[in-house]
Amino acid sequence: MANWTAGYAADVDYTFGYFKELNPLTIKLALIDAGIQPPEVQAACELGFGQGISVNIHAAGSSTKWVGTDFSPSQAGFAQDLAKASENQAQLYDQAFAEFAQRDDLPDFDFIALHGIWSWVSDENRKILVDFIARKLKVGGALFISYNGPAGWANMLPIRHLLNQHAEHMASQGSNSVEKVQNAFEFAEQLLAINPGYLQANPQARKSFDIVKNQDPVYLAHEYFSADWKPMAFSDMAKWLSPTKCDYACSAHSLDEVNAINLTQAEEDLINQQTNPIFRETVRDLCMNQQFRRDIWVKGPRPLDRFEQMEQLIKLRLVMTQVRNEVDLNVNGMLGPLKLKAETYNPILDFFADYQVKTFGELQSAMQTQGIPFEKVMQAVMILTGKNALAVAQETTQIDQARHKTDKLNRFILMKARGNDAIMTLASPVTGGGIELQGYEMLFMLAIQFGHDSAERIAPFVWGLLKQRGIKLLRDGKWLETDEDNLAELKNQLDYFLGEPLKLYRALGVI
C-alpha cells in the first residue's frame, strides 16, 4: 500500500494558526503598492490548508468562493465542520494534490495560495502544483507562495539534519512525531552544550537553535521533520514557476518591502543597480539574510501608471485592528529594532482611533494639513499593516453580506474556546480576514454572547470554565490559589477589556 502521508508528520494534527497573507485584501494592498493591477478575486483556492482556519475565515468574511484541499482527513474534517457551521460555501477536500488537480468541477481561479507547502513536498508534488497553477490560474490572477530560503537557514541546516537523523534512527519504536521531536532536541542540546567544532565556527547557530527549540512541538513536527523539507533559492523558484507564465510582483509581507527598516543605504544602492529582477532578489535575500519568503506572483501582470496607482490608493479603505494605546511605536526589521517617529505615526493612529473605516484619500488629506507628506504616509501604512495595527477594509455592502457568516463562524470558534485555547482568531466582516485575540478575551466574548454584560457576571462564568480545565491565573509572577483571588484578577482584566478592546471588536464585527 502506498504511504499517503508522503513523508509528512501526519500522526499529529497541524496547529490552528491564521495567516493574513492569504487574505485577498492583503494581496490587493501589496500589488497596488508595487504598481501592479490586483485581480478582482471571485474564486480562490488554498492548497494545503491545514486545519482550515484561514480558508474558512476568508470564505466567511467575503463573497469569494473558496476551494481547497489538505491531504490529512482529520484536518480536512475539522475544516469542513467550520465551513458547515458558518455556511460559507467553501468546498474543502482531503485529497492529495495529484487527485485534487484532476478534478473536473473546479473553476479557474483569480487567486491561488500555498502557505509553506512548497518547502515540504517532494519534487513530484511540486510538478503537480506547477501544472495545476499553469492550468487553473486566470490571466491577471495572483499566486501567493511562501517558502524557506537558504540564506537565513544556512547556519541551521546541519543541525536540522542532525534532528531528522535522530528522529529517523534513534527514536523508540512506537514514538509519535511529537515525542521524536522532543527527544531529538534534547540530544541536540547535549551536543551543543559541549561546544562542538561546528558551533565554534558558527556561533550564531546557538541563537537560532534556542529560538526554534522553544516552539510548539506539534508545530516543529510539521515544519522541521518532514522527509522532503527543502529551502529554495528565489532563482530556483523562478525556474520552477516558469511554466505557469507568472512573473514575480512583490512580497505579501509589507514589512519586507520597506527598505528603511531592512537595508543600509549601501545595500539598497547595490540592489537598485541590478537590472535583472531574478538576480536582484538573490542579492536582496543575502542582504536581508532572508529565511522565509512570502511571494506574490502574477500571471500576466499589468503595470499601473502613476495616475492609476494613485486612483486606486485614494479609494483604498483602511481600519485600525489594534487598540490605539496598545500600538507599539517600534518595528523589527533586518536592521534591528527601530523606533518609529511619533510625529508621523501618532497623528495617523489618532486618525483611526475611533475604529471606523476610512479611505486612504481621507487619511492623506488629514495628514497633509499636519505637514506629513505622501511618501511618509504610504510608508507608515505599509509598516502599520505589517504590524497588524491597520488592515484593508471591504466595501460596506460586502461587510453587510459577510456578517451573518462571520457571526456563525465566530460562535462556533467561541464555543470551542470553552475546552481549549487552540484557536485564538475570529473572523471580521470588515477586513474579510482574521483578528487575533489575547489572553482570556475569547472567553470574555463568549460570556457576552451568553448575555453576561458586566464584569460581575462575566468573571464567574469565565472562572467556572477555567477551573474545570485546571487553569489558575497569574498575578505578579505568582499563581492565584483561591476562587476569590482568581475572580478578582479576572475582574481587573475585564475592567480594561470592557473599554477600548470591546469597542474595537464591536467595530470590527467580531462580536
Protein backbone atom coordinates (compact mmCIF):
# COMPACT_ATOMS: atom_id res chain seq x y z
CA MET A 1 0.00 0.00 0.00
CA ALA A 2 1.28 3.48 -0.87
CA ASN A 3 2.11 5.76 2.06
CA TRP A 4 -0.49 8.54 1.81
CA THR A 5 1.47 10.74 4.23
CA ALA A 6 4.34 11.07 1.71
CA GLY A 7 6.92 11.54 4.45
CA TYR A 8 4.87 14.14 6.29
CA ALA A 9 4.19 14.12 10.06
CA ALA A 10 0.57 13.00 9.80
CA ASP A 11 0.25 11.37 13.22
CA VAL A 12 -0.19 14.78 14.87
CA ASP A 13 -2.61 17.45 13.69
CA TYR A 14 -1.29 20.77 12.46
CA THR A 15 -1.64 23.91 14.57
CA PHE A 16 -4.62 26.26 14.29
CA GLY A 17 -2.80 29.32 13.01
CA TYR A 18 -4.22 32.10 10.87
CA PHE A 19 -2.22 33.68 8.02
CA LYS A 20 -3.29 37.14 6.88
CA GLU A 21 -1.20 36.93 3.69
CA LEU A 22 -3.84 34.56 2.31
CA ASN A 23 -6.46 37.32 2.53
CA PRO A 24 -7.05 38.74 -0.99
CA LEU A 25 -7.26 42.23 0.53
CA THR A 26 -3.71 41.87 1.84
CA ILE A 27 -2.63 40.90 -1.68
CA LYS A 28 -4.54 43.88 -3.09
CA LEU A 29 -2.62 46.41 -1.00
CA ALA A 30 0.73 44.77 -1.79
CA LEU A 31 0.10 44.81 -5.53
CA ILE A 32 -1.15 48.40 -5.63
CA ASP A 33 1.93 49.47 -3.69
CA ALA A 34 4.06 47.57 -6.23
CA GLY A 35 2.29 49.34 -9.11
CA ILE A 36 0.52 46.25 -10.43
CA GLN A 37 -3.20 45.82 -11.11
CA PRO A 38 -4.64 43.46 -8.48
CA PRO A 39 -7.23 40.90 -9.57
CA GLU A 40 -10.86 41.02 -8.52
CA VAL A 41 -10.93 37.82 -6.51
CA GLN A 42 -14.18 35.98 -7.05
CA ALA A 43 -12.78 32.42 -6.98
CA ALA A 44 -9.82 31.39 -4.83
CA CYS A 45 -8.01 28.18 -3.92
CA GLU A 46 -5.83 27.23 -0.95
CA LEU A 47 -3.62 24.19 -1.42
CA GLY A 48 -2.67 22.56 1.89
CA PHE A 49 -5.00 24.46 4.22
CA GLY A 50 -4.04 22.66 7.46
CA GLN A 51 -6.86 22.95 9.98
CA GLY A 52 -8.69 25.32 7.64
CA ILE A 53 -8.69 28.40 9.87
CA SER A 54 -7.52 30.82 7.18
CA VAL A 55 -9.59 29.42 4.33
CA ASN A 56 -12.78 29.41 6.40
CA ILE A 57 -12.26 32.90 7.80
CA HIS A 58 -11.66 34.25 4.30
CA ALA A 59 -14.66 32.38 2.89
CA ALA A 60 -16.91 33.58 5.70
CA GLY A 61 -15.58 37.13 5.62
CA SER A 62 -16.15 37.81 1.93
CA SER A 63 -18.17 36.84 -1.14
CA THR A 64 -15.17 34.99 -2.62
CA LYS A 65 -15.83 31.32 -3.40
CA TRP A 66 -13.04 29.29 -1.84
CA VAL A 67 -11.93 25.78 -2.76
CA GLY A 68 -9.09 23.84 -1.20
CA THR A 69 -7.56 20.55 -0.21
CA ASP A 70 -5.43 19.12 2.58
CA PHE A 71 -4.37 15.50 2.45
CA SER A 72 -4.96 14.92 6.19
CA PRO A 73 -8.52 13.62 6.67
CA SER A 74 -8.67 14.74 10.29
CA GLN A 75 -7.66 18.29 9.36
CA ALA A 76 -9.97 18.36 6.36
CA GLY A 77 -12.80 17.08 8.55
CA PHE A 78 -12.36 19.91 11.03
CA ALA A 79 -12.13 22.44 8.19
CA GLN A 80 -15.39 21.09 6.78
CA ASP A 81 -17.01 21.48 10.21
CA LEU A 82 -16.00 25.15 10.20
CA ALA A 83 -17.40 25.61 6.69
CA LYS A 84 -20.68 23.95 7.62
CA ALA A 85 -21.03 25.97 10.82
CA SER A 86 -20.50 29.29 9.03
CA GLU A 87 -22.43 28.38 5.86
CA ASN A 88 -19.60 29.97 3.87
CA GLN A 89 -19.95 27.54 0.91
CA ALA A 90 -16.23 26.68 0.93
CA GLN A 91 -15.54 23.40 -0.86
CA LEU A 92 -12.84 21.66 1.14
CA TYR A 93 -11.42 18.21 0.39
CA ASP A 94 -8.97 15.71 1.86
CA GLN A 95 -7.42 14.78 -1.47
CA ALA A 96 -3.74 14.57 -2.31
CA PHE A 97 -2.59 17.20 -4.79
CA ALA A 98 -2.44 14.72 -7.67
CA GLU A 99 -6.07 13.67 -7.14
CA PHE A 100 -7.36 17.19 -6.47
CA ALA A 101 -5.62 18.62 -9.53
CA GLN A 102 -7.55 16.25 -11.81
CA ARG A 103 -11.00 17.26 -10.59
CA ASP A 104 -13.21 18.41 -13.47
CA ASP A 105 -15.55 20.51 -11.30
CA LEU A 106 -13.08 23.22 -10.30
CA PRO A 107 -13.37 26.77 -11.66
CA ASP A 108 -10.47 28.82 -12.90
CA PHE A 109 -9.10 30.91 -10.05
CA ASP A 110 -8.28 34.58 -9.56
CA PHE A 111 -6.10 33.71 -6.59
CA ILE A 112 -4.21 30.56 -5.61
CA ALA A 113 -2.43 30.33 -2.25
CA LEU A 114 0.17 27.92 -0.87
CA HIS A 115 1.43 28.73 2.61
CA GLY A 116 4.68 26.89 3.37
CA ILE A 117 3.62 23.77 1.49
CA TRP A 118 6.24 24.22 -1.22
CA SER A 119 9.09 23.68 1.25
CA TRP A 120 7.75 20.36 2.50
CA VAL A 121 6.63 18.42 -0.56
CA SER A 122 8.55 16.24 -3.00
CA ASP A 123 9.66 17.34 -6.46
CA GLU A 124 6.93 15.07 -7.83
CA ASN A 125 4.32 17.05 -5.95
CA ARG A 126 5.95 20.33 -6.98
CA LYS A 127 5.48 19.34 -10.62
CA ILE A 128 1.79 18.65 -9.93
CA LEU A 129 1.39 22.04 -8.23
CA VAL A 130 3.09 23.87 -11.10
CA ASP A 131 0.88 22.14 -13.65
CA PHE A 132 -2.23 22.99 -11.61
CA ILE A 133 -1.25 26.66 -11.34
CA ALA A 134 -0.47 26.83 -15.07
CA ARG A 135 -3.90 25.41 -15.96
CA LYS A 136 -6.15 26.93 -13.30
CA LEU A 137 -4.84 30.44 -12.56
CA LYS A 138 -6.57 33.06 -14.68
CA VAL A 139 -4.68 35.64 -16.71
CA GLY A 140 -4.12 38.55 -14.34
CA GLY A 141 -4.58 36.21 -11.37
CA ALA A 142 -2.30 36.26 -8.33
CA LEU A 143 -0.32 33.40 -6.80
CA PHE A 144 0.80 33.54 -3.17
CA ILE A 145 3.55 31.10 -2.32
CA SER A 146 5.63 31.10 0.86
CA TYR A 147 8.74 29.00 1.37
CA ASN A 148 12.02 28.74 3.23
CA GLY A 149 15.10 30.31 1.69
CA PRO A 150 18.72 29.13 2.03
CA ALA A 151 20.25 32.43 3.19
CA GLY A 152 18.55 32.61 6.57
CA TRP A 153 18.75 28.85 7.09
CA ALA A 154 22.47 28.45 6.34
CA ASN A 155 23.69 28.04 9.91
CA MET A 156 20.80 25.76 10.93
CA LEU A 157 20.89 23.25 8.07
CA PRO A 158 23.40 20.86 9.70
CA ILE A 159 21.50 20.98 12.99
CA ARG A 160 18.23 20.32 11.24
CA HIS A 161 19.84 17.34 9.52
CA LEU A 162 21.02 16.08 12.92
CA LEU A 163 17.50 16.42 14.35
CA ASN A 164 15.99 14.49 11.45
CA GLN A 165 18.62 11.77 11.64
CA HIS A 166 17.97 11.35 15.35
CA ALA A 167 14.23 11.10 14.75
CA GLU A 168 14.78 8.55 11.96
CA HIS A 169 17.40 6.32 13.58
CA MET A 170 17.28 6.83 17.35
CA ALA A 171 13.59 7.14 18.19
CA SER A 172 12.00 4.40 20.27
CA GLN A 173 9.65 2.08 18.45
CA GLY A 174 6.11 3.42 18.65
CA SER A 175 7.14 7.01 19.34
CA ASN A 176 4.87 9.60 17.77
CA SER A 177 6.16 12.66 15.94
CA VAL A 178 6.00 14.96 18.97
CA GLU A 179 8.00 12.51 21.09
CA LYS A 180 10.58 12.19 18.30
CA VAL A 181 10.87 15.98 18.17
CA GLN A 182 11.34 16.31 21.91
CA ASN A 183 13.96 13.56 22.08
CA ALA A 184 15.84 14.92 19.07
CA PHE A 185 16.02 18.40 20.58
CA GLU A 186 17.18 17.00 23.91
CA PHE A 187 20.07 15.25 22.15
CA ALA A 188 20.94 18.35 20.12
CA GLU A 189 21.03 20.34 23.37
CA GLN A 190 23.52 17.85 24.79
CA LEU A 191 25.70 18.13 21.69
CA LEU A 192 25.72 21.92 21.62
CA ALA A 193 26.48 22.03 25.36
CA ILE A 194 29.94 20.53 24.71
CA ASN A 195 30.66 23.28 22.15
CA PRO A 196 31.45 21.13 19.09
CA GLY A 197 33.64 22.44 16.30
CA TYR A 198 30.62 23.31 14.16
CA LEU A 199 29.28 25.64 16.86
CA GLN A 200 32.70 27.24 17.32
CA ALA A 201 32.79 28.06 13.60
CA ASN A 202 29.11 29.08 13.52
CA PRO A 203 28.29 30.70 16.89
CA GLN A 204 25.07 32.22 15.51
CA ALA A 205 23.67 28.67 15.23
CA ARG A 206 23.25 28.57 19.01
CA LYS A 207 20.89 31.54 18.97
CA SER A 208 18.93 30.12 16.04
CA PHE A 209 18.60 26.76 17.79
CA ASP A 210 17.39 28.38 21.02
CA ILE A 211 14.67 30.26 19.14
CA VAL A 212 13.46 27.11 17.40
CA LYS A 213 13.60 24.69 20.35
CA ASN A 214 11.08 26.66 22.42
CA GLN A 215 8.35 26.49 19.81
CA ASP A 216 5.33 24.20 19.97
CA PRO A 217 6.48 20.56 19.40
CA VAL A 218 3.42 19.96 17.20
CA TYR A 219 4.45 22.89 15.01
CA LEU A 220 8.04 21.65 14.91
CA ALA A 221 6.94 18.15 13.88
CA HIS A 222 5.26 19.56 10.80
CA GLU A 223 7.68 22.36 9.99
CA TYR A 224 11.06 20.71 10.51
CA PHE A 225 10.67 16.94 10.44
CA SER A 226 9.03 16.22 7.09
CA ALA A 227 11.06 13.98 4.79
CA ASP A 228 11.14 16.36 1.82
CA TRP A 229 11.82 19.69 3.55
CA LYS A 230 13.96 21.84 1.30
CA PRO A 231 14.85 25.55 1.41
CA MET A 232 14.84 27.02 -2.08
CA ALA A 233 16.65 29.99 -3.61
CA PHE A 234 14.47 32.57 -5.34
CA SER A 235 16.17 31.86 -8.67
CA ASP A 236 15.25 28.17 -8.36
CA MET A 237 11.66 29.12 -7.52
CA ALA A 238 11.56 31.26 -10.65
CA LYS A 239 12.70 28.27 -12.74
CA TRP A 240 10.06 26.05 -11.18
CA LEU A 241 7.29 28.57 -11.87
CA SER A 242 8.32 29.45 -15.42
CA PRO A 243 5.75 27.04 -16.97
CA THR A 244 2.96 28.92 -15.15
CA LYS A 245 3.74 32.17 -17.05
CA CYS A 246 3.74 34.02 -13.73
CA ASP A 247 6.05 36.95 -13.03
CA TYR A 248 7.27 37.93 -9.59
CA ALA A 249 5.46 41.00 -8.26
CA CYS A 250 6.40 41.68 -4.63
CA SER A 251 6.31 40.32 -1.10
CA ALA A 252 2.96 39.79 0.61
CA HIS A 253 4.64 40.73 3.91
CA SER A 254 4.63 44.50 3.72
CA LEU A 255 7.47 44.93 6.22
CA ASP A 256 9.81 43.11 3.84
CA GLU A 257 9.16 45.81 1.23
CA VAL A 258 10.21 48.72 3.46
CA ASN A 259 13.87 49.33 2.71
CA ALA A 260 14.29 51.82 5.55
CA ILE A 261 13.95 49.09 8.19
CA ASN A 262 15.77 46.31 6.34
CA LEU A 263 18.65 47.68 4.28
CA THR A 264 21.58 50.01 4.72
CA GLN A 265 21.94 52.73 2.11
CA ALA A 266 24.88 50.86 0.58
CA GLU A 267 22.81 47.66 0.32
CA GLU A 268 19.85 49.49 -1.19
CA ASP A 269 22.06 51.22 -3.76
CA LEU A 270 23.70 47.95 -4.79
CA ILE A 271 20.33 46.18 -5.12
CA ASN A 272 18.92 49.00 -7.24
CA GLN A 273 21.85 48.73 -9.63
CA GLN A 274 20.85 45.17 -10.60
CA THR A 275 18.81 45.24 -13.81
CA ASN A 276 17.90 41.54 -13.80
CA PRO A 277 14.89 41.06 -11.46
CA ILE A 278 15.83 37.50 -10.50
CA PHE A 279 19.41 38.40 -9.63
CA ARG A 280 18.15 41.49 -7.79
CA GLU A 281 16.05 39.32 -5.47
CA THR A 282 19.02 37.00 -4.94
CA VAL A 283 21.15 39.94 -3.80
CA ARG A 284 18.32 41.25 -1.61
CA ASP A 285 17.91 37.86 0.10
CA LEU A 286 21.58 37.83 1.06
CA CYS A 287 21.44 41.42 2.30
CA MET A 288 18.38 40.61 4.44
CA ASN A 289 19.52 37.11 5.42
CA GLN A 290 16.03 36.10 4.32
CA GLN A 291 14.78 32.92 5.99
CA PHE A 292 11.18 32.83 4.83
CA ARG A 293 9.84 34.39 1.63
CA ARG A 294 6.18 35.30 1.10
CA ASP A 295 6.00 35.92 -2.63
CA ILE A 296 3.21 37.23 -4.84
CA TRP A 297 3.42 36.22 -8.50
CA VAL A 298 1.00 37.41 -11.18
CA LYS A 299 0.07 35.70 -14.44
CA GLY A 300 0.44 38.48 -16.99
CA PRO A 301 0.89 41.45 -14.66
CA ARG A 302 -0.46 44.78 -15.88
CA PRO A 303 1.56 47.73 -14.59
CA LEU A 304 -0.33 50.68 -13.16
CA ASP A 305 0.84 54.10 -14.25
CA ARG A 306 1.26 56.72 -11.55
CA PHE A 307 -2.24 58.13 -12.06
CA GLU A 308 -3.91 54.70 -11.94
CA GLN A 309 -1.94 53.76 -8.84
CA MET A 310 -2.97 56.95 -7.04
CA GLU A 311 -6.61 56.49 -8.04
CA GLN A 312 -6.63 53.01 -6.52
CA LEU A 313 -4.75 54.11 -3.39
CA ILE A 314 -7.11 57.01 -2.72
CA LYS A 315 -10.14 54.68 -2.78
CA LEU A 316 -8.49 52.02 -0.59
CA ARG A 317 -10.36 51.59 2.69
CA LEU A 318 -8.44 51.11 5.94
CA VAL A 319 -9.33 50.35 9.54
CA MET A 320 -7.44 50.02 12.81
CA THR A 321 -7.15 46.46 14.10
CA GLN A 322 -5.43 47.08 17.44
CA VAL A 323 -6.43 49.09 20.46
CA ARG A 324 -4.98 52.55 19.92
CA ASN A 325 -2.94 52.69 23.13
CA GLU A 326 -1.53 49.21 22.56
CA VAL A 327 0.15 50.03 19.25
CA ASP A 328 3.88 49.86 19.87
CA LEU A 329 5.91 52.54 18.10
CA ASN A 330 8.72 50.09 17.40
CA VAL A 331 9.31 47.87 14.42
CA ASN A 332 11.66 44.94 13.89
CA GLY A 333 13.41 44.79 10.54
CA MET A 334 16.70 43.31 9.46
CA LEU A 335 18.43 46.45 10.78
CA GLY A 336 17.16 45.53 14.25
CA PRO A 337 14.54 47.15 16.47
CA LEU A 338 13.81 50.68 15.27
CA LYS A 339 11.78 53.44 16.88
CA LEU A 340 9.02 54.85 14.70
CA LYS A 341 8.78 58.62 14.62
CA ALA A 342 5.98 59.71 16.94
CA GLU A 343 5.43 62.94 15.00
CA THR A 344 4.45 60.85 11.96
CA TYR A 345 2.77 57.81 13.49
CA ASN A 346 0.75 59.29 16.34
CA PRO A 347 -1.34 61.56 14.07
CA ILE A 348 -2.06 58.60 11.76
CA LEU A 349 -3.02 56.34 14.65
CA ASP A 350 -5.15 59.05 16.21
CA PHE A 351 -6.94 59.47 12.87
CA PHE A 352 -8.09 55.82 13.09
CA ALA A 353 -8.61 55.77 16.86
CA ASP A 354 -12.40 55.72 16.56
CA TYR A 355 -12.00 52.30 14.85
CA GLN A 356 -14.11 53.36 11.87
CA VAL A 357 -13.29 52.59 8.24
CA LYS A 358 -11.69 55.48 6.35
CA THR A 359 -10.16 55.80 2.91
CA PHE A 360 -6.51 56.36 2.15
CA GLY A 361 -7.55 59.57 0.45
CA GLU A 362 -9.16 60.83 3.66
CA LEU A 363 -6.04 59.86 5.59
CA GLN A 364 -3.76 61.62 3.12
CA SER A 365 -5.82 64.83 3.22
CA ALA A 366 -5.84 64.85 7.02
CA MET A 367 -2.09 64.26 7.24
CA GLN A 368 -1.35 66.91 4.63
CA THR A 369 -2.76 69.56 6.95
CA GLN A 370 -0.26 68.38 9.59
CA GLY A 371 2.69 68.60 7.24
CA ILE A 372 3.16 64.83 6.75
CA PRO A 373 3.97 64.18 3.06
CA PHE A 374 2.52 61.38 0.95
CA GLU A 375 5.71 59.28 0.98
CA LYS A 376 5.75 59.13 4.78
CA VAL A 377 2.03 58.34 4.94
CA MET A 378 2.45 55.49 2.45
CA GLN A 379 5.43 54.04 4.29
CA ALA A 380 3.54 54.29 7.59
CA VAL A 381 0.55 52.42 6.13
CA MET A 382 2.82 49.61 4.91
CA ILE A 383 4.52 49.36 8.29
CA LEU A 384 1.31 49.55 10.32
CA THR A 385 -0.39 46.89 8.19
CA GLY A 386 2.72 44.75 8.55
CA LYS A 387 2.49 45.20 12.34
CA ASN A 388 -1.23 44.26 12.29
CA ALA A 389 -2.24 47.70 13.54
CA LEU A 390 -4.11 48.56 10.33
CA ALA A 391 -5.83 46.42 7.70
CA VAL A 392 -7.56 46.93 4.38
CA ALA A 393 -11.36 47.02 4.78
CA GLN A 394 -14.15 45.89 2.48
CA GLU A 395 -16.93 47.97 0.98
CA THR A 396 -19.99 48.49 3.19
CA THR A 397 -22.20 46.20 1.08
CA GLN A 398 -19.60 43.43 1.30
CA ILE A 399 -19.37 43.86 5.06
CA ASP A 400 -23.15 43.55 5.39
CA GLN A 401 -23.25 40.44 3.20
CA ALA A 402 -20.49 38.72 5.17
CA ARG A 403 -21.72 39.46 8.66
CA HIS A 404 -24.13 36.54 9.05
CA LYS A 405 -21.40 34.08 8.03
CA THR A 406 -18.74 35.53 10.32
CA ASP A 407 -21.23 35.60 13.19
CA LYS A 408 -21.89 31.88 12.76
CA LEU A 409 -18.20 31.02 12.40
CA ASN A 410 -17.23 33.07 15.43
CA ARG A 411 -19.95 31.46 17.51
CA PHE A 412 -18.57 28.03 16.60
CA ILE A 413 -15.00 29.07 17.45
CA LEU A 414 -16.02 30.69 20.74
CA MET A 415 -17.82 27.53 21.80
CA LYS A 416 -14.59 25.63 21.10
CA ALA A 417 -12.80 28.04 23.43
CA ARG A 418 -14.62 26.55 26.40
CA GLY A 419 -12.40 23.48 26.25
CA ASN A 420 -9.07 24.81 24.95
CA ASP A 421 -7.30 27.86 23.58
CA ALA A 422 -6.04 26.26 20.34
CA ILE A 423 -7.85 28.83 18.17
CA MET A 424 -7.22 32.47 19.04
CA THR A 425 -8.58 34.13 15.89
CA LEU A 426 -12.06 35.34 14.99
CA ALA A 427 -13.42 36.45 11.62
CA SER A 428 -14.09 40.11 10.81
CA PRO A 429 -16.63 41.02 8.12
CA VAL A 430 -14.93 44.43 7.97
CA THR A 431 -11.47 43.18 6.98
CA GLY A 432 -12.62 39.94 5.39
CA GLY A 433 -9.90 38.32 7.50
CA GLY A 434 -8.93 37.23 10.96
CA ILE A 435 -8.48 39.20 14.18
CA GLU A 436 -6.23 37.61 16.78
CA LEU A 437 -7.29 37.84 20.42
CA GLN A 438 -5.19 37.74 23.57
CA GLY A 439 -5.35 36.03 26.95
CA TYR A 440 -8.87 35.24 28.07
CA GLU A 441 -10.58 37.56 25.59
CA MET A 442 -12.19 34.63 23.76
CA LEU A 443 -13.94 33.54 26.95
CA PHE A 444 -14.92 37.12 27.78
CA MET A 445 -16.58 37.38 24.37
CA LEU A 446 -18.29 34.02 24.80
CA ALA A 447 -19.74 35.22 28.10
CA ILE A 448 -21.07 38.35 26.39
CA GLN A 449 -22.72 36.19 23.73
CA PHE A 450 -24.43 34.28 26.53
CA GLY A 451 -25.92 37.56 27.76
CA HIS A 452 -23.48 38.46 30.54
CA ASP A 453 -22.95 42.20 30.32
CA SER A 454 -20.81 43.24 33.30
CA ALA A 455 -17.56 42.23 34.99
CA GLU A 456 -19.56 40.93 37.95
CA ARG A 457 -21.42 38.49 35.69
CA ILE A 458 -18.68 37.68 33.18
CA ALA A 459 -15.94 36.84 35.73
CA PRO A 460 -17.80 33.92 37.43
CA PHE A 461 -18.77 32.50 34.03
CA VAL A 462 -15.17 32.55 32.80
CA TRP A 463 -13.69 31.33 36.08
CA GLY A 464 -16.08 28.38 36.05
CA LEU A 465 -14.73 27.30 32.63
CA LEU A 466 -11.09 27.84 33.58
CA LYS A 467 -11.47 25.99 36.88
CA GLN A 468 -12.89 22.95 35.08
CA ARG A 469 -9.76 22.92 32.92
CA GLY A 470 -7.48 23.20 35.95
CA ILE A 471 -6.24 26.67 34.98
CA LYS A 472 -5.25 29.28 37.54
CA LEU A 473 -4.50 32.93 36.89
CA LEU A 474 -1.15 34.58 37.45
CA ARG A 475 -0.51 37.86 39.26
CA ASP A 476 2.91 39.39 39.90
CA GLY A 477 4.57 36.11 38.95
CA LYS A 478 2.55 34.03 41.42
CA TRP A 479 -0.27 31.58 40.78
CA LEU A 480 -3.53 32.50 42.47
CA GLU A 481 -4.94 29.70 44.62
CA THR A 482 -8.37 30.78 45.86
CA ASP A 483 -11.59 31.33 43.92
CA GLU A 484 -11.77 34.84 45.34
CA ASP A 485 -8.31 35.82 44.12
CA ASN A 486 -8.88 34.35 40.66
CA LEU A 487 -12.23 36.13 40.34
CA ALA A 488 -10.69 39.39 41.46
CA GLU A 489 -7.94 39.09 38.84
CA LEU A 490 -10.48 38.34 36.13
CA LYS A 491 -12.47 41.41 37.13
CA ASN A 492 -9.32 43.52 36.92
CA GLN A 493 -8.75 42.28 33.37
CA LEU A 494 -12.40 42.79 32.50
CA ASP A 495 -12.35 46.40 33.67
CA TYR A 496 -9.92 47.07 30.83
CA PHE A 497 -11.41 44.68 28.27
CA LEU A 498 -14.91 46.18 28.53
CA GLY A 499 -13.49 49.55 27.48
CA GLU A 500 -11.36 50.05 24.36
CA PRO A 501 -10.80 46.38 23.38
CA LEU A 502 -14.53 45.66 23.29
CA LYS A 503 -15.14 48.88 21.37
CA LEU A 504 -12.56 47.74 18.80
CA TYR A 505 -14.00 44.23 18.46
CA ARG A 506 -17.52 45.57 18.02
CA ALA A 507 -16.35 47.97 15.33
CA LEU A 508 -14.61 45.08 13.52
CA GLY A 509 -17.77 42.99 13.73
CA VAL A 510 -16.21 40.05 15.53
CA ILE A 511 -18.86 40.27 18.23
